[in-house]
Amino acid sequence: MPTIAGPTASGKTSIAIEVARRLDGEIISMDSRQAYRGFAIGTAAPSAGELAAAPHHGVGFLDPRERYGAGRFARLATRWLAEIRARGRVPILAGGTGLFLRALTHPMFQEPPLDPARRAALRAWLNRIERGDLARWAARLDPELAARHHPLDRQRAARTVELALLTGEPLSRWMARAPAERPPLRTSTHVLEWPAPLLRERIARRAEVLIRGGAWPEEVRGLLARGLDGSRAFDALGYADVAALVRGEAGVDETIARVSRATWRYARRQRTWFRHQVPEDAVVLRALDGSTTPGQLARRIAAGWRASG
């Protein structure tokens, strides 16, 4: 199955659409934030035109208050894959959340049965805890996992605390010993790589256009009016900074600089992850030339997929 991965702002969406056109395919988004309704601008979700150009799954379908981790993605993606294949079309994975890819190629453990009432009460309590306190709780309950994933994001920290308190076993132990939920998926993974200066420039340019042009602040105003600044989705990169701009707590230039720096740090972590964590059995194409057009790359990806099978 063709998979297009890489850091933010590397051009995954446009290439995936071109591949879908050539292979009569449908795209499954491997992005943990583009899934949320109302968060399209800041997450660089596919535009209306791009969604019309190729069928997409996993984009803009989820309530911002809901949890969306690798396990839930893998369960949904397994269903989407079966439905796409049943229509006689080619599924194409695309996105920058590496753990979503790994959840398919290296399936996660089968979660033990948990009491729904206790789980709901615990989640309500966890949602009220500050992120730093939650991370400290997780580190105390599962130091092995906290050491492997530092710093822990809110979602992983909450899941770590949840499993430890409800089962008496840390998440790292469940991951090591429990059977997998589903068979591993084999993919032909194409990682898009850009020279660091060019990628950093693309990130800064995107922040400039979205913030100074007004589209992102307008989106955030609507989210604030709906009281969604406390939702899970609002943890997405840059939203707190743009909210400060909307509230008059920061200037435009300052906000652009902050968002650009934070996005570049995130892109660097993504680059590192894809260099070292891409599945060993994947066929990897590294597009080092930033001037290569989406059409050229799509032709190479589509031709490689046809040749493989």
Protein backbone atom coordinates (compact mmCIF):
# COMPACT_ATOMS: atom_id res chain seq x y z
CA MET A 1 0.00 0.00 0.00
CA PRO A 2 1.43 3.44 -0.88
CA THR A 3 2.18 5.55 2.19
CA ILE A 4 3.32 9.17 2.05
CA ALA A 5 4.87 10.45 5.26
CA GLY A 6 7.13 13.23 6.44
CA PRO A 7 7.28 16.41 8.51
CA THR A 8 4.76 19.20 8.51
CA ALA A 9 4.83 21.53 5.48
CA SER A 10 6.62 18.94 3.32
CA GLY A 11 3.82 18.71 0.74
CA LYS A 12 2.23 15.38 1.68
CA THR A 13 -1.34 16.36 0.84
CA SER A 14 -0.71 17.53 -2.72
CA ILE A 15 1.41 14.47 -3.51
CA ALA A 16 -1.16 12.08 -2.01
CA ILE A 17 -3.88 13.62 -4.18
CA GLU A 18 -1.75 13.20 -7.30
CA VAL A 19 -1.08 9.56 -6.39
CA ALA A 20 -4.80 9.00 -5.78
CA ARG A 21 -5.59 10.36 -9.24
CA ARG A 22 -3.10 8.02 -10.87
CA LEU A 23 -4.14 4.90 -8.95
CA ASP A 24 -7.89 5.54 -8.58
CA GLY A 25 -7.27 5.75 -4.86
CA GLU A 26 -8.72 7.09 -1.64
CA ILE A 27 -6.65 8.80 1.04
CA ILE A 28 -6.57 7.91 4.74
CA SER A 29 -5.18 10.77 6.82
CA MET A 30 -2.53 9.88 9.39
CA ASP A 31 -2.83 13.21 11.20
CA SER A 32 -3.86 13.37 14.83
CA ARG A 33 -5.26 16.93 14.64
CA GLN A 34 -6.76 17.24 11.16
CA ALA A 35 -9.40 14.78 12.35
CA TYR A 36 -11.14 17.44 14.46
CA ARG A 37 -14.04 19.51 13.13
CA GLY A 38 -13.39 23.25 13.05
CA PHE A 39 -9.60 23.02 13.19
CA ALA A 40 -8.84 22.97 9.46
CA ILE A 41 -6.78 26.17 9.06
CA GLY A 42 -4.20 25.78 11.82
CA THR A 43 -3.71 22.07 11.16
CA ALA A 44 -3.29 22.63 7.39
CA ALA A 45 -6.08 20.16 6.70
CA PRO A 46 -6.99 19.54 3.04
CA SER A 47 -9.01 22.38 1.54
CA ALA A 48 -12.50 21.96 0.09
CA GLY A 49 -10.95 21.75 -3.37
CA GLU A 50 -8.46 19.10 -2.27
CA LEU A 51 -11.18 17.07 -0.58
CA ALA A 52 -13.16 17.22 -3.81
CA ALA A 53 -10.13 16.13 -5.85
CA ALA A 54 -9.76 12.81 -4.01
CA PRO A 55 -11.85 11.02 -1.37
CA HIS A 56 -10.38 11.47 2.14
CA HIS A 57 -10.98 9.57 5.36
CA GLY A 58 -10.07 10.80 8.83
CA VAL A 59 -10.40 14.54 8.12
CA GLY A 60 -12.77 16.87 9.99
CA PHE A 61 -15.03 14.13 11.34
CA LEU A 62 -14.37 14.18 15.08
CA ASP A 63 -15.79 16.30 17.91
CA PRO A 64 -12.96 18.49 19.31
CA ARG A 65 -13.59 17.17 22.83
CA GLU A 66 -13.05 13.53 21.87
CA ARG A 67 -9.90 11.49 22.31
CA TYR A 68 -8.09 10.45 19.12
CA GLY A 69 -5.00 8.37 19.68
CA ALA A 70 -3.11 5.75 17.71
CA GLY A 71 -5.30 2.90 18.91
CA ARG A 72 -8.54 4.53 17.81
CA PHE A 73 -6.97 5.56 14.52
CA ALA A 74 -5.83 1.99 13.84
CA ARG A 75 -9.31 0.60 14.46
CA LEU A 76 -10.93 3.18 12.16
CA ALA A 77 -8.22 2.85 9.50
CA THR A 78 -8.65 -0.93 9.42
CA ARG A 79 -12.34 -0.40 8.62
CA TRP A 80 -11.59 2.30 6.02
CA LEU A 81 -9.02 0.06 4.34
CA ALA A 82 -11.52 -2.76 4.00
CA GLU A 83 -14.21 -0.43 2.63
CA ILE A 84 -11.86 1.15 0.07
CA ARG A 85 -10.65 -2.23 -1.15
CA ALA A 86 -14.24 -3.50 -1.37
CA ARG A 87 -14.94 -0.63 -3.79
CA GLY A 88 -12.04 -1.83 -5.95
CA ARG A 89 -9.94 1.24 -5.20
CA VAL A 90 -6.43 1.74 -3.79
CA PRO A 91 -6.02 2.95 -0.20
CA ILE A 92 -3.27 5.56 0.29
CA LEU A 93 -1.99 6.51 3.72
CA ALA A 94 -0.75 10.09 4.12
CA GLY A 95 0.29 12.16 7.10
CA GLY A 96 2.90 13.14 9.62
CA THR A 97 1.83 11.38 12.82
CA GLY A 98 4.38 8.61 12.94
CA LEU A 99 2.70 6.74 15.77
CA PHE A 100 -0.42 6.36 13.61
CA LEU A 101 1.65 4.62 10.93
CA ARG A 102 3.34 2.44 13.52
CA ALA A 103 -0.03 1.45 15.01
CA LEU A 104 -0.82 -0.21 11.66
CA THR A 105 2.57 -1.71 10.85
CA HIS A 106 3.27 -2.76 14.45
CA PRO A 107 -0.22 -3.25 15.94
CA MET A 108 -0.78 -2.15 19.50
CA PHE A 109 -1.70 -4.47 22.34
CA GLN A 110 -5.24 -5.64 22.91
CA GLU A 111 -6.61 -3.48 25.69
CA PRO A 112 -7.96 -5.35 28.74
CA PRO A 113 -11.66 -4.97 29.58
CA LEU A 114 -12.21 -1.88 31.72
CA ASP A 115 -15.23 -0.92 33.79
CA PRO A 116 -17.02 1.81 31.75
CA ALA A 117 -18.30 3.74 34.76
CA ARG A 118 -14.91 3.83 36.50
CA ARG A 119 -13.23 4.78 33.24
CA ALA A 120 -15.66 7.65 32.58
CA ALA A 121 -15.21 8.99 36.11
CA LEU A 122 -11.43 8.77 35.87
CA ARG A 123 -11.36 10.54 32.49
CA ALA A 124 -13.53 13.35 33.85
CA TRP A 125 -11.03 13.78 36.67
CA LEU A 126 -8.00 13.62 34.35
CA ASN A 127 -9.51 16.30 32.10
CA ARG A 128 -9.44 18.74 35.01
CA ILE A 129 -5.75 18.25 35.80
CA GLU A 130 -3.13 20.66 34.45
CA ARG A 131 -0.88 19.19 31.77
CA GLY A 132 2.29 19.42 33.89
CA ASP A 133 0.67 17.70 36.88
CA LEU A 134 -0.73 14.99 34.62
CA ALA A 135 2.73 14.33 33.15
CA ARG A 136 4.18 14.03 36.67
CA TRP A 137 1.48 11.54 37.63
CA ALA A 138 2.26 9.48 34.52
CA ALA A 139 6.00 9.53 35.23
CA ARG A 140 5.43 8.23 38.77
CA LEU A 141 3.08 5.47 37.64
CA ASP A 142 5.09 4.41 34.58
CA PRO A 143 8.68 5.72 34.70
CA GLU A 144 9.77 3.41 31.86
CA LEU A 145 7.27 4.88 29.41
CA ALA A 146 7.94 8.44 30.59
CA ALA A 147 11.67 7.96 29.95
CA ARG A 148 11.02 6.71 26.41
CA HIS A 149 8.63 9.53 25.51
CA HIS A 150 9.88 12.75 27.08
CA PRO A 151 8.09 15.04 27.33
CA LEU A 152 4.79 13.15 27.52
CA ASP A 153 1.97 14.87 25.66
CA ARG A 154 -1.36 15.19 27.41
CA GLN A 155 -3.05 12.35 25.57
CA ARG A 156 -0.30 9.79 26.23
CA ALA A 157 0.04 10.92 29.85
CA ALA A 158 -3.70 10.52 30.43
CA ARG A 159 -3.72 7.04 28.90
CA THR A 160 -0.70 6.07 31.02
CA VAL A 161 -2.45 7.13 34.22
CA GLU A 162 -5.72 5.54 33.13
CA LEU A 163 -4.27 2.09 32.42
CA ALA A 164 -2.12 2.07 35.55
CA LEU A 165 -4.95 3.02 37.91
CA LEU A 166 -7.65 0.85 36.35
CA THR A 167 -5.58 -2.32 35.81
CA GLY A 168 -2.79 -2.09 38.36
CA GLU A 169 -0.25 -2.57 35.55
CA PRO A 170 1.70 0.21 33.80
CA LEU A 171 1.08 0.91 30.13
CA SER A 172 4.65 -0.10 29.19
CA ARG A 173 4.03 -3.58 30.62
CA TRP A 174 0.79 -4.00 28.69
CA MET A 175 2.56 -2.91 25.49
CA ALA A 176 5.30 -5.49 26.02
CA ARG A 177 3.19 -8.50 27.01
CA ALA A 178 -0.36 -8.27 25.66
CA PRO A 179 -1.26 -9.79 22.25
CA ALA A 180 -1.68 -7.50 19.24
CA GLU A 181 -5.17 -6.36 18.21
CA ARG A 182 -4.76 -7.14 14.50
CA PRO A 183 -2.25 -8.49 11.95
CA PRO A 184 0.52 -6.06 10.94
CA LEU A 185 0.02 -4.04 7.76
CA ARG A 186 2.72 -4.02 5.09
CA THR A 187 3.25 -0.64 3.43
CA SER A 188 5.43 0.93 0.78
CA THR A 189 6.43 4.02 2.73
CA HIS A 190 7.71 7.15 1.02
CA VAL A 191 9.23 9.71 3.37
CA LEU A 192 9.47 13.25 2.03
CA GLU A 193 12.66 14.99 3.04
CA TRP A 194 13.58 18.62 2.49
CA PRO A 195 16.85 20.42 3.22
CA ALA A 196 16.39 22.01 6.64
CA PRO A 197 16.66 25.66 5.49
CA LEU A 198 14.03 25.18 2.79
CA LEU A 199 11.63 23.37 5.10
CA ARG A 200 12.06 26.04 7.77
CA GLU A 201 11.33 28.71 5.15
CA ARG A 202 8.15 26.90 4.07
CA ILE A 203 7.00 26.69 7.69
CA ALA A 204 7.63 30.40 8.28
CA ARG A 205 5.87 31.35 5.04
CA ARG A 206 2.81 29.29 5.94
CA ALA A 207 2.58 30.90 9.38
CA GLU A 208 2.90 34.34 7.81
CA VAL A 209 0.11 33.70 5.29
CA LEU A 210 -2.30 32.08 7.74
CA ILE A 211 -1.82 34.58 10.56
CA ARG A 212 -1.22 37.89 8.83
CA GLY A 213 -3.81 37.02 6.20
CA GLY A 214 -6.36 36.55 8.98
CA ALA A 215 -7.65 33.04 8.23
CA TRP A 216 -6.22 31.39 11.34
CA PRO A 217 -7.22 34.17 13.80
CA GLU A 218 -10.74 34.08 12.35
CA GLU A 219 -10.91 30.33 12.87
CA VAL A 220 -9.70 30.70 16.46
CA ARG A 221 -12.26 33.45 17.19
CA GLY A 222 -14.99 31.02 16.24
CA LEU A 223 -13.52 28.28 18.42
CA LEU A 224 -13.24 30.62 21.40
CA ALA A 225 -16.83 31.74 20.93
CA ARG A 226 -17.89 28.09 21.12
CA GLY A 227 -15.86 27.52 24.29
CA LEU A 228 -13.51 25.06 22.62
CA ASP A 229 -10.27 26.52 23.99
CA GLY A 230 -10.40 23.83 26.68
CA SER A 231 -10.94 20.96 24.23
CA ARG A 232 -8.43 18.26 23.36
CA ALA A 233 -8.10 19.61 19.84
CA PHE A 234 -7.02 23.03 21.09
CA ASP A 235 -3.72 21.46 22.15
CA ALA A 236 -2.83 21.42 18.45
CA LEU A 237 0.32 23.31 17.57
CA GLY A 238 -0.06 27.10 17.49
CA TYR A 239 -3.66 27.44 18.64
CA ALA A 240 -2.82 28.81 22.08
CA ASP A 241 -0.48 31.37 20.47
CA VAL A 242 -3.10 32.52 17.97
CA ALA A 243 -5.67 32.68 20.78
CA ALA A 244 -3.33 35.08 22.63
CA LEU A 245 -3.23 37.21 19.48
CA VAL A 246 -7.02 37.20 19.20
CA ARG A 247 -7.35 38.23 22.86
CA GLY A 248 -4.95 41.12 22.36
CA GLU A 249 -2.24 39.55 24.53
CA ALA A 250 0.34 39.34 21.71
CA GLY A 251 1.14 41.11 18.45
CA VAL A 252 1.04 39.72 14.93
CA ASP A 253 4.83 39.63 14.41
CA GLU A 254 5.38 38.01 17.80
CA THR A 255 2.74 35.38 17.12
CA ILE A 256 4.15 34.52 13.70
CA ALA A 257 7.61 34.12 15.21
CA ARG A 258 6.35 31.92 18.05
CA VAL A 259 4.31 29.67 15.80
CA SER A 260 7.16 29.37 13.29
CA ARG A 261 9.65 28.38 16.00
CA ALA A 262 7.31 25.85 17.60
CA THR A 263 6.39 24.34 14.23
CA TRP A 264 10.03 24.03 13.23
CA ARG A 265 10.84 22.25 16.52
CA TYR A 266 7.97 19.86 15.84
CA ALA A 267 9.15 19.28 12.26
CA ARG A 268 12.62 18.45 13.53
CA ARG A 269 11.17 15.82 15.87
CA GLN A 270 9.16 14.39 12.97
CA ARG A 271 12.25 14.24 10.77
CA THR A 272 14.14 12.38 13.48
CA TRP A 273 11.26 9.95 14.04
CA PHE A 274 10.89 9.08 10.37
CA ARG A 275 14.63 8.56 9.98
CA HIS A 276 14.78 6.01 12.79
CA GLN A 277 11.28 4.57 13.24
CA VAL A 278 10.01 3.87 9.72
CA PRO A 279 9.14 0.13 9.60
CA GLU A 280 12.11 -1.99 8.59
CA ASP A 281 10.19 -3.76 5.84
CA ALA A 282 9.02 -0.49 4.25
CA VAL A 283 10.27 0.60 0.83
CA VAL A 284 11.43 4.15 1.47
CA LEU A 285 11.71 6.91 -1.11
CA ARG A 286 13.51 10.02 0.14
CA ALA A 287 12.68 13.09 -1.94
CA LEU A 288 15.68 15.27 -1.17
CA ASP A 289 15.11 17.84 -3.91
CA GLY A 290 12.61 20.42 -2.70
CA SER A 291 12.04 21.61 -6.27
CA THR A 292 10.67 18.22 -7.34
CA THR A 293 7.04 18.74 -8.30
CA PRO A 294 4.17 16.77 -6.73
CA GLY A 295 3.41 15.34 -10.16
CA GLN A 296 6.94 13.97 -10.60
CA LEU A 297 6.97 12.42 -7.14
CA ALA A 298 3.47 11.01 -7.60
CA ARG A 299 4.52 9.34 -10.86
CA ARG A 300 7.44 7.65 -9.11
CA ILE A 301 5.27 6.50 -6.20
CA ALA A 302 2.47 5.21 -8.45
CA ALA A 303 4.91 3.45 -10.77
CA GLY A 304 6.64 1.80 -7.82
CA TRP A 305 3.33 0.56 -6.46
CA ARG A 306 2.25 -0.88 -9.81
CA ALA A 307 5.62 -2.60 -10.23
CA SER A 308 5.37 -4.18 -6.79
CA GLY A 309 2.19 -5.90 -7.39
